[in-house]
Amino acid sequence: MLPSPPPSAFSFLRPPRNLASQFELTTQSALPDHPTVADLPRAVWRNKRYVLEESLSRKGSKGRKSWIKRHGFFLVEIDTNDSPLSPYWACRLCDAKGQPEFFAAAATSSAADHLRKSHRIFESSQAADPDLSTDESERPKRRRLQYSAVPRARVKMIRELSLGLLINTNVPFSFFSDTFFQQLAWQLDPHLADQIPWSRQSMGRLLDDTYKSKKDEIKQELSDALTKIHLGFDLWTSPNRHAVMAVTAHFLDRQGKHQSRLLALRRQLGCHSGESLAVTLGQVVREWKIEDRVGTVISDNASSNDSCLVNFYGDLDAKMSLADVRARQV
């Protein structure tokens, strides 16, 4: 297939005919390291400027869940100073015809009526939709969250850096709740500081989510490895006198580059016999789903480690001989 030709100079002079094409055009370049509202993808319609609602930070918001989101854009109008004004929903089907219809997004009933009457689009689960009601007076009133002039991408970056600080310095989750730290952050950038959820609960959830996400990435790396997964393990004693087994993986990735990954720091319970060590090592291997990918195993020169590998490889392959085990031991 021939590559599509680059757009002509005239295509940049012509105003895009709809919202979707404007957003598509402005999302082709990556955001800078410290983005502002002026850097966000935007669209202009009838001399009014809009950005996507999801690109602005709104502390405490869990995002839109209404079914109308599948059929339109949730937008926020911005003024000439790039400050957020009111939220709107624009119909995607009307926009495709070059005539987008806008509805106030404070409630979704008007937008839903438009989809039903103009496009014959219905949602069978409307009654269970928490963001939709045909009678707004029946819904309990709640404090509406204010839009900020802080891009969501910048808040995400600050939170990831904050999590890295917690991990590297081993400080408690309550670190960011310290009065002096909060005053320091507010002095540096009050608008940004007000938008970052730094509570212990929020940072704890971020740590759990990040751990699960990174673990899935490593599982995929192990699955895509060009070689067997070679393991290394050693036993350590923590400052509080707990025995801990460290397990590392070594392999060549899809680009043929050597990679090392820490797979576990697993508490070693009971005695430190070879059989007990083999149980712990086997649990780690099964957790990472690499039972059929194990190559050699590296350990220090202890008789319990020799016994461990005899039991470990025997569990992986009952037909493996003692000579085969020795050949896989470093």
Protein backbone atom coordinates (compact mmCIF):
# COMPACT_ATOMS: atom_id res chain seq x y z
CA MET A 1 0.00 0.00 0.00
CA LEU A 2 1.37 3.42 -0.98
CA PRO A 3 1.81 5.94 1.85
CA SER A 4 -0.82 8.66 1.91
CA PRO A 5 0.47 12.00 0.57
CA PRO A 6 1.21 14.80 3.05
CA PRO A 7 -1.52 17.44 3.41
CA SER A 8 -1.20 20.42 1.11
CA ALA A 9 -0.62 23.95 2.36
CA PHE A 10 -4.19 24.83 1.39
CA SER A 11 -5.56 22.19 3.76
CA PHE A 12 -4.06 24.12 6.67
CA LEU A 13 -5.62 27.38 5.44
CA ARG A 14 -9.12 25.93 5.18
CA PRO A 15 -11.02 25.84 8.48
CA PRO A 16 -11.86 22.22 9.43
CA ARG A 17 -15.50 21.45 8.75
CA ASN A 18 -16.28 19.82 12.11
CA LEU A 19 -15.13 19.35 15.69
CA ALA A 20 -13.75 15.85 15.20
CA SER A 21 -11.35 16.90 12.44
CA GLN A 22 -10.14 19.86 14.50
CA PHE A 23 -9.38 17.67 17.52
CA GLU A 24 -7.71 15.10 15.27
CA LEU A 25 -5.54 17.80 13.71
CA THR A 26 -4.44 19.26 17.05
CA THR A 27 -3.66 15.87 18.65
CA GLN A 28 -1.02 14.98 16.06
CA SER A 29 1.72 16.63 18.14
CA ALA A 30 2.68 15.41 21.62
CA LEU A 31 2.11 17.56 24.69
CA PRO A 32 5.16 19.32 26.18
CA ASP A 33 6.64 18.22 29.51
CA HIS A 34 4.82 20.99 31.39
CA PRO A 35 1.56 21.42 29.48
CA THR A 36 -0.89 24.25 30.03
CA VAL A 37 -4.44 24.68 28.75
CA ALA A 38 -3.00 26.51 25.73
CA ASP A 39 -1.21 23.28 24.72
CA LEU A 40 -4.32 21.06 24.82
CA PRO A 41 -6.14 19.90 21.67
CA ARG A 42 -8.94 22.34 20.94
CA ALA A 43 -11.72 23.12 18.50
CA VAL A 44 -13.33 26.41 17.49
CA TRP A 45 -16.99 26.70 16.55
CA ARG A 46 -18.80 29.99 15.94
CA ASN A 47 -16.01 31.96 17.59
CA LYS A 48 -16.12 29.84 20.75
CA ARG A 49 -13.17 27.69 21.81
CA TYR A 50 -13.52 24.24 23.35
CA VAL A 51 -11.24 21.59 24.84
CA LEU A 52 -12.14 18.00 25.65
CA GLU A 53 -13.50 17.72 29.17
CA GLU A 54 -11.33 14.68 29.89
CA SER A 55 -8.17 16.72 29.26
CA LEU A 56 -8.83 19.05 32.23
CA SER A 57 -8.18 18.09 35.82
CA ARG A 58 -11.18 18.09 38.14
CA LYS A 59 -10.16 16.83 41.56
CA GLY A 60 -12.58 14.25 42.93
CA SER A 61 -14.18 13.50 39.55
CA LYS A 62 -14.41 9.86 38.47
CA GLY A 63 -15.28 10.71 34.87
CA ARG A 64 -18.49 10.54 32.88
CA LYS A 65 -20.39 7.25 32.87
CA SER A 66 -23.50 8.24 30.91
CA TRP A 67 -24.32 6.24 27.79
CA ILE A 68 -24.46 9.43 25.69
CA LYS A 69 -20.66 9.60 25.92
CA ARG A 70 -20.48 7.00 23.14
CA HIS A 71 -22.37 9.29 20.77
CA GLY A 72 -20.77 12.66 21.38
CA PHE A 73 -18.03 14.81 22.86
CA PHE A 74 -18.01 16.21 26.37
CA LEU A 75 -16.41 19.64 25.97
CA VAL A 76 -15.52 22.63 28.12
CA GLU A 77 -15.63 26.14 26.71
CA ILE A 78 -12.57 28.26 27.49
CA ASP A 79 -12.28 32.03 27.44
CA THR A 80 -9.58 34.20 25.89
CA ASN A 81 -7.43 33.71 29.00
CA ASP A 82 -7.67 29.91 28.67
CA SER A 83 -9.83 29.69 31.79
CA PRO A 84 -12.58 27.03 31.79
CA LEU A 85 -16.20 28.15 31.52
CA SER A 86 -19.19 25.82 31.06
CA PRO A 87 -19.32 22.14 30.03
CA TYR A 88 -21.21 21.00 26.93
CA TRP A 89 -22.06 17.81 25.10
CA ALA A 90 -21.81 17.92 21.29
CA CYS A 91 -23.51 15.29 19.15
CA ARG A 92 -20.99 13.25 17.16
CA LEU A 93 -23.52 12.29 14.47
CA CYS A 94 -24.50 15.90 13.80
CA ASP A 95 -20.84 16.89 13.86
CA ALA A 96 -20.10 14.36 11.10
CA LYS A 97 -22.53 16.35 8.92
CA GLY A 98 -20.75 19.60 9.74
CA GLN A 99 -23.57 20.86 11.97
CA PRO A 100 -22.78 19.93 15.59
CA GLU A 101 -25.54 20.37 18.14
CA PHE A 102 -24.48 21.56 21.60
CA PHE A 103 -26.26 20.83 24.88
CA ALA A 104 -25.42 21.93 28.42
CA ALA A 105 -23.70 19.03 30.15
CA ALA A 106 -24.79 19.89 33.70
CA ALA A 107 -27.59 17.37 33.05
CA THR A 108 -27.77 14.77 30.28
CA SER A 109 -31.53 14.55 29.74
CA SER A 110 -31.59 17.10 26.87
CA ALA A 111 -28.76 15.34 25.06
CA ALA A 112 -30.49 11.97 25.52
CA ASP A 113 -33.75 13.40 24.13
CA HIS A 114 -31.84 14.68 21.09
CA LEU A 115 -30.41 11.22 20.40
CA ARG A 116 -33.83 9.61 20.69
CA LYS A 117 -35.75 12.15 18.59
CA SER A 118 -33.17 13.09 15.95
CA HIS A 119 -31.24 9.84 15.52
CA ARG A 120 -33.56 7.15 16.94
CA ILE A 121 -30.82 6.04 19.34
CA PHE A 122 -32.06 4.50 22.57
CA GLU A 123 -30.34 3.01 25.58
CA SER A 124 -31.96 -0.01 27.19
CA SER A 125 -30.22 0.58 30.52
CA GLN A 126 -31.29 4.20 30.94
CA ALA A 127 -33.03 3.47 34.23
CA ALA A 128 -29.76 2.24 35.72
CA ASP A 129 -27.70 5.14 34.34
CA PRO A 130 -26.58 7.25 37.31
CA ASP A 131 -25.82 10.23 35.06
CA LEU A 132 -29.20 10.35 33.32
CA SER A 133 -32.65 11.31 34.56
CA THR A 134 -35.71 12.51 32.69
CA ASP A 135 -36.79 14.43 35.79
CA GLU A 136 -33.83 16.32 37.24
CA SER A 137 -35.86 17.32 40.30
CA GLU A 138 -35.93 13.70 41.47
CA ARG A 139 -32.16 13.46 41.73
CA PRO A 140 -30.46 14.49 44.97
CA LYS A 141 -28.42 17.64 44.55
CA ARG A 142 -24.69 17.39 45.05
CA ARG A 143 -21.88 19.88 44.96
CA ARG A 144 -20.72 20.29 41.38
CA LEU A 145 -16.99 19.87 40.93
CA GLN A 146 -15.26 22.86 39.38
CA TYR A 147 -13.08 22.63 36.30
CA SER A 148 -9.50 23.74 36.73
CA ALA A 149 -7.07 25.34 34.32
CA VAL A 150 -4.67 22.46 34.96
CA PRO A 151 -4.31 19.74 32.29
CA ARG A 152 -5.03 16.23 33.53
CA ALA A 153 -1.76 15.05 31.92
CA ARG A 154 0.24 17.31 34.23
CA VAL A 155 -1.55 16.04 37.34
CA LYS A 156 -0.86 12.46 36.21
CA MET A 157 2.85 13.21 35.80
CA ILE A 158 3.10 14.86 39.26
CA ARG A 159 1.35 11.91 40.91
CA GLU A 160 3.71 9.42 39.26
CA LEU A 161 6.73 11.44 40.41
CA SER A 162 5.25 11.62 43.92
CA LEU A 163 4.86 7.85 43.98
CA GLY A 164 8.47 7.45 42.88
CA LEU A 165 9.52 9.70 45.76
CA LEU A 166 7.63 7.51 48.25
CA ILE A 167 9.24 4.34 46.91
CA ASN A 168 12.81 5.64 46.62
CA THR A 169 12.92 7.38 50.00
CA ASN A 170 10.75 4.87 51.89
CA VAL A 171 8.71 7.66 53.50
CA PRO A 172 5.14 6.99 54.72
CA PHE A 173 2.03 7.75 52.68
CA SER A 174 1.25 10.57 55.11
CA PHE A 175 4.31 12.50 53.87
CA PHE A 176 2.26 14.60 51.46
CA SER A 177 -0.26 15.46 54.19
CA ASP A 178 2.44 17.27 56.14
CA THR A 179 1.48 20.92 56.66
CA PHE A 180 4.88 22.28 55.64
CA PHE A 181 4.95 20.22 52.44
CA GLN A 182 1.45 21.37 51.50
CA GLN A 183 2.40 25.01 52.08
CA LEU A 184 5.55 24.52 50.01
CA ALA A 185 3.59 22.98 47.11
CA TRP A 186 0.98 25.73 47.30
CA GLN A 187 3.66 28.44 47.17
CA LEU A 188 5.19 26.86 44.07
CA ASP A 189 1.89 26.49 42.16
CA PRO A 190 -1.39 26.93 44.07
CA HIS A 191 -3.61 25.87 41.16
CA LEU A 192 -1.66 22.67 40.56
CA ALA A 193 -1.37 21.86 44.29
CA ASP A 194 -5.15 22.13 44.70
CA GLN A 195 -5.73 19.51 41.98
CA ILE A 196 -3.40 16.72 43.14
CA PRO A 197 -4.98 14.01 45.33
CA TRP A 198 -2.16 13.40 47.79
CA SER A 199 -4.11 11.63 50.53
CA ARG A 200 -2.86 8.34 51.96
CA GLN A 201 -5.82 6.49 50.44
CA SER A 202 -5.30 8.01 46.99
CA MET A 203 -1.55 7.34 46.91
CA GLY A 204 -2.14 3.82 48.21
CA ARG A 205 -4.54 3.11 45.35
CA LEU A 206 -2.04 4.57 42.88
CA LEU A 207 0.67 2.26 44.23
CA ASP A 208 -1.59 -0.79 43.85
CA ASP A 209 -2.63 0.22 40.33
CA THR A 210 0.95 0.92 39.29
CA TYR A 211 2.17 -2.39 40.71
CA LYS A 212 -0.50 -4.34 38.81
CA SER A 213 0.19 -2.44 35.60
CA LYS A 214 3.96 -2.92 35.78
CA LYS A 215 3.55 -6.58 36.71
CA ASP A 216 1.42 -7.14 33.60
CA GLU A 217 4.12 -5.43 31.50
CA ILE A 218 6.82 -7.72 32.90
CA LYS A 219 4.65 -10.79 32.33
CA GLN A 220 4.35 -9.75 28.69
CA GLU A 221 8.13 -9.24 28.47
CA LEU A 222 8.71 -12.73 29.84
CA SER A 223 6.19 -14.18 27.41
CA ASP A 224 7.85 -12.42 24.44
CA ALA A 225 11.44 -13.30 25.45
CA LEU A 226 13.62 -14.84 22.74
CA THR A 227 15.38 -17.11 25.22
CA LYS A 228 14.63 -19.25 28.20
CA ILE A 229 14.06 -17.39 31.46
CA HIS A 230 17.15 -17.88 33.59
CA LEU A 231 16.65 -17.38 37.32
CA GLY A 232 18.79 -16.26 40.20
CA PHE A 233 17.83 -16.56 43.85
CA ASP A 234 19.36 -15.83 47.21
CA LEU A 235 18.24 -15.77 50.82
CA TRP A 236 18.49 -12.60 52.88
CA THR A 237 17.67 -11.65 56.45
CA SER A 238 15.73 -8.42 56.96
CA PRO A 239 16.52 -5.98 59.81
CA ASN A 240 13.58 -7.45 61.75
CA ARG A 241 15.08 -10.95 61.38
CA HIS A 242 12.70 -12.23 58.71
CA ALA A 243 14.12 -14.54 56.04
CA VAL A 244 13.41 -13.25 52.52
CA MET A 245 14.05 -14.97 49.18
CA ALA A 246 14.98 -12.67 46.31
CA VAL A 247 14.28 -14.06 42.82
CA THR A 248 15.50 -12.40 39.61
CA ALA A 249 14.90 -13.24 35.95
CA HIS A 250 17.44 -12.84 33.12
CA PHE A 251 16.54 -13.09 29.42
CA LEU A 252 16.87 -11.54 25.96
CA ASP A 253 13.91 -9.40 24.96
CA ARG A 254 12.31 -9.15 21.52
CA GLN A 255 15.10 -6.80 20.38
CA GLY A 256 17.77 -9.24 21.55
CA LYS A 257 18.82 -7.07 24.49
CA HIS A 258 19.70 -8.55 27.87
CA GLN A 259 17.11 -7.78 30.54
CA SER A 260 17.01 -8.42 34.29
CA ARG A 261 13.84 -8.20 36.35
CA LEU A 262 13.22 -8.63 40.06
CA LEU A 263 10.34 -11.11 40.31
CA ALA A 264 9.94 -11.50 44.05
CA LEU A 265 11.06 -10.64 47.54
CA ARG A 266 9.20 -13.53 49.13
CA ARG A 267 9.06 -14.27 52.86
CA GLN A 268 10.68 -17.64 53.53
CA LEU A 269 8.67 -19.38 56.22
CA GLY A 270 9.72 -22.44 58.19
CA CYS A 271 13.09 -24.12 57.97
CA HIS A 272 15.59 -23.31 55.21
CA SER A 273 15.83 -26.83 53.85
CA GLY A 274 16.14 -27.47 50.14
CA GLU A 275 12.57 -28.78 49.98
CA SER A 276 11.22 -25.63 51.65
CA LEU A 277 13.24 -23.35 49.36
CA ALA A 278 11.97 -25.26 46.31
CA VAL A 279 8.36 -24.65 47.37
CA THR A 280 8.93 -20.89 47.55
CA LEU A 281 10.81 -20.78 44.24
CA GLY A 282 8.07 -22.84 42.57
CA GLN A 283 5.39 -20.46 43.85
CA VAL A 284 7.20 -17.52 42.25
CA VAL A 285 7.59 -19.32 38.91
CA ARG A 286 3.91 -20.28 38.81
CA GLU A 287 2.84 -16.77 39.76
CA TRP A 288 4.68 -15.39 36.72
CA LYS A 289 3.48 -18.26 34.48
CA ILE A 290 6.97 -19.26 33.30
CA GLU A 291 6.99 -22.93 34.38
CA ASP A 292 7.76 -24.09 30.83
CA ARG A 293 10.31 -21.33 30.16
CA VAL A 294 12.81 -21.86 33.00
CA GLY A 295 16.43 -22.29 31.88
CA THR A 296 19.36 -22.31 34.28
CA VAL A 297 19.23 -21.21 37.92
CA ILE A 298 22.01 -19.25 39.62
CA SER A 299 22.58 -19.54 43.37
CA ASP A 300 25.43 -19.56 45.87
CA ASN A 301 27.35 -22.71 46.74
CA ALA A 302 25.26 -24.14 49.58
CA SER A 303 24.13 -27.74 49.96
CA SER A 304 20.56 -26.61 50.67
CA ASN A 305 20.51 -24.83 47.29
CA ASP A 306 21.63 -28.03 45.56
CA SER A 307 18.78 -29.89 47.22
CA CYS A 308 16.42 -27.03 46.36
CA LEU A 309 17.11 -27.28 42.64
CA VAL A 310 16.74 -31.06 42.60
CA ASN A 311 13.26 -30.65 44.07
CA PHE A 312 12.47 -27.55 41.99
CA TYR A 313 13.34 -29.05 38.60
CA GLY A 314 11.73 -32.33 39.63
CA ASP A 315 8.44 -30.49 40.18
CA LEU A 316 8.73 -28.83 36.76
CA ASP A 317 9.62 -32.05 34.93
CA ALA A 318 9.41 -35.39 36.70
CA LYS A 319 11.50 -37.01 33.93
CA MET A 320 14.51 -34.74 34.51
CA SER A 321 17.56 -36.67 35.70
CA LEU A 322 20.06 -35.57 38.33
CA ALA A 323 22.60 -34.96 35.56
CA ASP A 324 20.12 -32.67 33.79
CA VAL A 325 19.60 -30.71 37.01
CA ARG A 326 23.35 -30.31 37.48
CA ALA A 327 23.67 -29.05 33.90
CA ARG A 328 21.13 -26.31 34.63
CA GLN A 329 22.72 -25.17 37.89
CA VAL A 330 25.21 -22.31 38.05
